[in-house]
């Protein structure tokens, strides 16, 4: 992974952004005989990917994103044979989606839909929940959804593994290389401008996370993307917690939180009551004291044993939110040879293996790996048709980096 001094003057494909989407796409392009150039303005994982909670779960209130996770699960489970470099550190911890009682009909509808596309999930009652996760409080809920094969990953391990595999396949990765603009001639991509010089190319992927607007705005593309600063906290398992006993990965809609184990004796939780706009160049990467208090309360509400748990750390990251909080995966409007992935609102780590394959197909042979990308189109906002999940939960938590 080189710095800007060795930049080529031309490339068949340029990928802007050294997060997990960019690295996954670079790897998949090499599998199709293309040797891309990936440019990252700082270090790999400097944006949301490096701070991700890296949950891997199928449960969505739509089947489109769920199918992306199902495809990606095959990669996480078979990493050595598919990617062959590094390790995602996938832990099959089991996942629970907890909702308030009034959302039970929606949860049951979502589970039925997810089972219809091949997800191994089912609805469990409080008695079954106590067997699945003995520490979990159940007196305020009527049911939950369980996925025994889901879990979480090491986000940086996943990213570095994709990057190493891409380089082994012939890709060039240049860090500390800021892309300053996309040169367009007669409606087609002509070159990418960087702080270290110009690189001619006919194909470019903009996967710059919270920095995407800086490249899209000069192209006349305004889709209402907003960078948001989000936070997580880590708590030490208290001495009252039985030795050797952990808990499942949980999204707890009723307590506006998500959580998972962190190492052998800690828990990582995202629990926020609001989000804040942020400048990706200057935002504070530390966790705020009020967020720590919110996180401890949300954690103890679902796992009472954590009522007086010691806070061990935390951090803030920055994501790019779309107007409807769903990802945008499409060509850049009006610019032939330019593709875009953005606005995922902190939820697309788990789908990155599938997204990389889709983008690589799209950029090489015009297909999309047999996947229907229409719901992810950029034009939905100008069409007045934002993506709204009919069975979304009324108490669904705010996005955090990243669930």
Foldseek 3Di string as FASTA:
>chain_A
DAADPPDDQAAAEEEEAQFLLSLLLLLLLLVVVGAYEYEAQADRLLALLQVFQFWQDLQDLDNQVSVLLVVLLVCLVVVCVPLNFFHFAFDQQKEKEAAFAVLVVLQQVRVVVSVVVPAPKDKDAPVVVCVQFVQWDHPRGGIIMIHRRTAGTNSVRSSVSSNVSSVVSNYHYHYSKAFQEFDADPLFTAWTQIPSGIYGYGAYEYPHWQCSCSHQVVVVDDQPKFKKKFKKWKWFQDPVPDPPHDGGFYFHLVLQKTWHDDPRTMIMMGHDPDIDTDDQVDDFFFDDPVRVVSGQVSVCVTRVSSVPTHIDGMTMGMGMAGPQLCWAWAANPSYRNYTYTGRNQAECSSSSNLSSNQVSCCNPVNGRVPRDCVLRHSCCVVVVHHDDSPSDGPRGHHAHSHD
